[in-house]
N, C-alpha and C. Protein backbone atom coordinates (compact mmCIF):
# COMPACT_ATOMS: atom_id res chain seq x y z
N MET A 1 0.84 -1.18 0.00
CA MET A 1 0.00 0.00 0.00
C MET A 1 0.88 1.24 0.00
N SER A 2 0.48 2.24 -0.72
CA SER A 2 1.25 3.47 -0.86
C SER A 2 1.25 4.26 0.44
N GLU A 3 2.34 5.00 0.66
CA GLU A 3 2.39 5.85 1.85
C GLU A 3 1.38 6.98 1.77
N LEU A 4 0.82 7.21 0.57
CA LEU A 4 -0.20 8.24 0.40
C LEU A 4 -1.61 7.70 0.67
N SER A 5 -1.73 6.43 1.02
CA SER A 5 -3.03 5.83 1.27
C SER A 5 -3.67 6.45 2.50
N LYS A 6 -4.99 6.47 2.50
CA LYS A 6 -5.77 6.98 3.62
C LYS A 6 -6.52 5.83 4.25
N LYS A 7 -6.67 5.90 5.54
CA LYS A 7 -7.36 4.86 6.28
C LYS A 7 -8.82 5.27 6.48
N SER A 8 -9.71 4.29 6.34
CA SER A 8 -11.13 4.53 6.55
C SER A 8 -11.74 3.27 7.13
N THR A 9 -12.70 3.45 7.99
CA THR A 9 -13.41 2.31 8.56
C THR A 9 -14.66 2.07 7.74
N VAL A 10 -14.82 0.84 7.26
CA VAL A 10 -15.98 0.47 6.46
C VAL A 10 -16.58 -0.77 7.11
N TYR A 11 -17.89 -0.76 7.27
CA TYR A 11 -18.59 -1.89 7.86
C TYR A 11 -19.27 -2.69 6.76
N PHE A 12 -18.94 -3.98 6.68
CA PHE A 12 -19.49 -4.86 5.67
C PHE A 12 -20.48 -5.82 6.29
N ASP A 13 -21.44 -6.22 5.49
CA ASP A 13 -22.30 -7.33 5.86
C ASP A 13 -21.37 -8.53 6.06
N PRO A 14 -21.62 -9.35 7.07
CA PRO A 14 -20.70 -10.48 7.34
C PRO A 14 -20.46 -11.39 6.14
N ASP A 15 -21.49 -11.66 5.36
CA ASP A 15 -21.31 -12.53 4.19
C ASP A 15 -20.43 -11.87 3.13
N ILE A 16 -20.59 -10.58 2.95
CA ILE A 16 -19.76 -9.86 1.98
C ILE A 16 -18.31 -9.82 2.47
N HIS A 17 -18.13 -9.59 3.75
CA HIS A 17 -16.78 -9.57 4.31
C HIS A 17 -16.10 -10.93 4.12
N HIS A 18 -16.86 -11.98 4.35
CA HIS A 18 -16.33 -13.33 4.16
C HIS A 18 -15.91 -13.54 2.70
N ALA A 19 -16.76 -13.12 1.77
CA ALA A 19 -16.46 -13.25 0.35
C ALA A 19 -15.23 -12.43 -0.02
N LEU A 20 -15.12 -11.23 0.53
CA LEU A 20 -13.95 -10.39 0.27
C LEU A 20 -12.67 -11.07 0.75
N ARG A 21 -12.72 -11.63 1.95
CA ARG A 21 -11.53 -12.30 2.49
C ARG A 21 -11.13 -13.49 1.63
N ILE A 22 -12.10 -14.25 1.16
CA ILE A 22 -11.81 -15.40 0.30
C ILE A 22 -11.22 -14.94 -1.03
N LYS A 23 -11.85 -13.91 -1.63
CA LYS A 23 -11.33 -13.40 -2.90
C LYS A 23 -9.92 -12.87 -2.72
N ALA A 24 -9.68 -12.13 -1.66
CA ALA A 24 -8.34 -11.59 -1.40
C ALA A 24 -7.32 -12.72 -1.28
N ALA A 25 -7.67 -13.75 -0.56
CA ALA A 25 -6.74 -14.86 -0.36
C ALA A 25 -6.48 -15.61 -1.66
N THR A 26 -7.52 -15.83 -2.45
CA THR A 26 -7.34 -16.60 -3.69
C THR A 26 -6.65 -15.80 -4.79
N THR A 27 -6.67 -14.47 -4.69
CA THR A 27 -6.01 -13.64 -5.70
C THR A 27 -4.69 -13.06 -5.18
N HIS A 28 -4.29 -13.49 -3.99
CA HIS A 28 -3.04 -13.03 -3.37
C HIS A 28 -3.01 -11.51 -3.24
N GLN A 29 -4.12 -10.95 -2.80
CA GLN A 29 -4.24 -9.52 -2.57
C GLN A 29 -4.75 -9.31 -1.15
N SER A 30 -4.64 -8.08 -0.69
CA SER A 30 -5.25 -7.74 0.58
C SER A 30 -6.71 -7.38 0.34
N VAL A 31 -7.50 -7.40 1.41
CA VAL A 31 -8.89 -6.97 1.30
C VAL A 31 -8.92 -5.52 0.81
N SER A 32 -8.02 -4.70 1.28
CA SER A 32 -7.97 -3.30 0.84
C SER A 32 -7.74 -3.19 -0.66
N GLU A 33 -6.87 -4.02 -1.20
CA GLU A 33 -6.62 -3.98 -2.64
C GLU A 33 -7.87 -4.40 -3.42
N VAL A 34 -8.55 -5.42 -2.94
CA VAL A 34 -9.77 -5.87 -3.61
C VAL A 34 -10.84 -4.77 -3.58
N VAL A 35 -11.01 -4.15 -2.42
CA VAL A 35 -12.01 -3.09 -2.27
C VAL A 35 -11.63 -1.88 -3.11
N ASN A 36 -10.35 -1.48 -3.09
CA ASN A 36 -9.91 -0.34 -3.89
C ASN A 36 -10.18 -0.57 -5.37
N GLU A 37 -9.90 -1.76 -5.85
CA GLU A 37 -10.13 -2.06 -7.26
C GLU A 37 -11.63 -2.01 -7.59
N ALA A 38 -12.46 -2.55 -6.71
CA ALA A 38 -13.91 -2.52 -6.94
C ALA A 38 -14.43 -1.07 -6.98
N VAL A 39 -13.96 -0.25 -6.07
CA VAL A 39 -14.38 1.16 -6.04
C VAL A 39 -13.87 1.87 -7.29
N ARG A 40 -12.64 1.61 -7.66
CA ARG A 40 -12.06 2.22 -8.87
C ARG A 40 -12.90 1.87 -10.10
N LEU A 41 -13.26 0.59 -10.24
CA LEU A 41 -14.08 0.16 -11.38
C LEU A 41 -15.46 0.82 -11.35
N SER A 42 -16.03 0.96 -10.17
CA SER A 42 -17.33 1.62 -10.04
C SER A 42 -17.25 3.08 -10.46
N LEU A 43 -16.18 3.76 -10.07
CA LEU A 43 -16.00 5.16 -10.44
C LEU A 43 -15.79 5.32 -11.95
N VAL A 44 -15.05 4.39 -12.55
CA VAL A 44 -14.85 4.42 -14.00
C VAL A 44 -16.20 4.24 -14.70
N GLU A 45 -17.00 3.31 -14.20
CA GLU A 45 -18.33 3.08 -14.78
C GLU A 45 -19.20 4.33 -14.66
N ASP A 46 -19.14 4.99 -13.51
CA ASP A 46 -19.88 6.24 -13.33
C ASP A 46 -19.44 7.28 -14.35
N GLN A 47 -18.13 7.40 -14.56
CA GLN A 47 -17.61 8.37 -15.53
C GLN A 47 -18.08 8.03 -16.94
N GLU A 48 -18.09 6.77 -17.28
CA GLU A 48 -18.57 6.35 -18.60
C GLU A 48 -20.05 6.69 -18.77
N ASP A 49 -20.84 6.44 -17.71
CA ASP A 49 -22.27 6.77 -17.75
C ASP A 49 -22.48 8.27 -17.93
N LEU A 50 -21.72 9.07 -17.20
CA LEU A 50 -21.85 10.52 -17.32
C LEU A 50 -21.45 11.00 -18.71
N SER A 51 -20.41 10.40 -19.27
CA SER A 51 -19.98 10.76 -20.62
C SER A 51 -21.06 10.41 -21.65
N ALA A 52 -21.64 9.23 -21.50
CA ALA A 52 -22.71 8.82 -22.41
C ALA A 52 -23.91 9.75 -22.29
N PHE A 53 -24.24 10.13 -21.08
CA PHE A 53 -25.35 11.05 -20.86
C PHE A 53 -25.05 12.39 -21.53
N GLU A 54 -23.83 12.88 -21.36
CA GLU A 54 -23.42 14.16 -21.94
C GLU A 54 -23.52 14.12 -23.47
N GLU A 55 -23.13 12.99 -24.06
CA GLU A 55 -23.17 12.85 -25.51
C GLU A 55 -24.59 12.89 -26.05
N ARG A 56 -25.57 12.52 -25.21
CA ARG A 56 -26.95 12.41 -25.67
C ARG A 56 -27.81 13.61 -25.29
N THR A 57 -27.22 14.64 -24.68
CA THR A 57 -28.02 15.78 -24.23
C THR A 57 -28.69 16.52 -25.37
N SER A 58 -28.15 16.43 -26.58
CA SER A 58 -28.75 17.14 -27.71
C SER A 58 -29.88 16.35 -28.37
N GLU A 59 -30.08 15.12 -27.94
CA GLU A 59 -31.16 14.31 -28.53
C GLU A 59 -32.51 14.83 -28.06
N ALA A 60 -33.48 14.68 -28.92
CA ALA A 60 -34.85 15.09 -28.57
C ALA A 60 -35.38 14.21 -27.44
N THR A 61 -36.17 14.81 -26.58
CA THR A 61 -36.78 14.04 -25.50
C THR A 61 -38.16 13.57 -25.92
N LEU A 62 -38.61 12.53 -25.30
CA LEU A 62 -39.90 11.93 -25.60
C LEU A 62 -40.60 11.70 -24.28
N SER A 63 -41.80 12.22 -24.14
CA SER A 63 -42.53 12.01 -22.89
C SER A 63 -42.99 10.55 -22.82
N TYR A 64 -43.36 10.15 -21.65
CA TYR A 64 -43.84 8.78 -21.46
C TYR A 64 -45.07 8.53 -22.32
N GLU A 65 -45.97 9.51 -22.34
CA GLU A 65 -47.19 9.38 -23.13
C GLU A 65 -46.86 9.25 -24.62
N GLU A 66 -45.90 10.05 -25.09
CA GLU A 66 -45.48 9.97 -26.50
C GLU A 66 -44.85 8.62 -26.81
N LEU A 67 -44.09 8.11 -25.87
CA LEU A 67 -43.49 6.78 -26.04
C LEU A 67 -44.56 5.72 -26.18
N LEU A 68 -45.56 5.76 -25.29
CA LEU A 68 -46.65 4.78 -25.35
C LEU A 68 -47.41 4.89 -26.67
N ASP A 69 -47.68 6.13 -27.10
CA ASP A 69 -48.37 6.33 -28.38
C ASP A 69 -47.55 5.75 -29.53
N ASP A 70 -46.23 5.97 -29.50
CA ASP A 70 -45.35 5.45 -30.55
C ASP A 70 -45.34 3.93 -30.54
N LEU A 71 -45.24 3.34 -29.38
CA LEU A 71 -45.24 1.88 -29.29
C LEU A 71 -46.57 1.31 -29.80
N LYS A 72 -47.67 1.97 -29.45
CA LYS A 72 -48.98 1.50 -29.88
C LYS A 72 -49.12 1.64 -31.40
N SER A 73 -48.66 2.76 -31.95
CA SER A 73 -48.80 2.97 -33.40
C SER A 73 -47.97 1.97 -34.21
N HIS A 74 -46.92 1.43 -33.60
CA HIS A 74 -46.08 0.44 -34.29
C HIS A 74 -46.44 -1.00 -33.91
N GLY A 75 -47.58 -1.16 -33.21
CA GLY A 75 -48.06 -2.48 -32.85
C GLY A 75 -47.23 -3.21 -31.81
N LYS A 76 -46.46 -2.48 -31.04
CA LYS A 76 -45.60 -3.11 -30.02
C LYS A 76 -46.38 -3.37 -28.73
N ILE A 77 -47.41 -2.57 -28.50
CA ILE A 77 -48.26 -2.80 -27.31
C ILE A 77 -49.72 -2.74 -27.73
């Protein structure tokens, strides 16, 4: 772990904690490394979602009622 690492107390459900410990042991990592990687991946996914949302801001919006009308007119519902 880097000397720049910060310590934080996190409370896990016992079953999740058990799974984390097993994963850490089988991958030769610490629980902290496993958790850090999971959080990192989650943050990357959030960034990708935000980027995709930003790319679509110029698209026309469709109300729920308009969507239902469109689906009905195309025989989908």
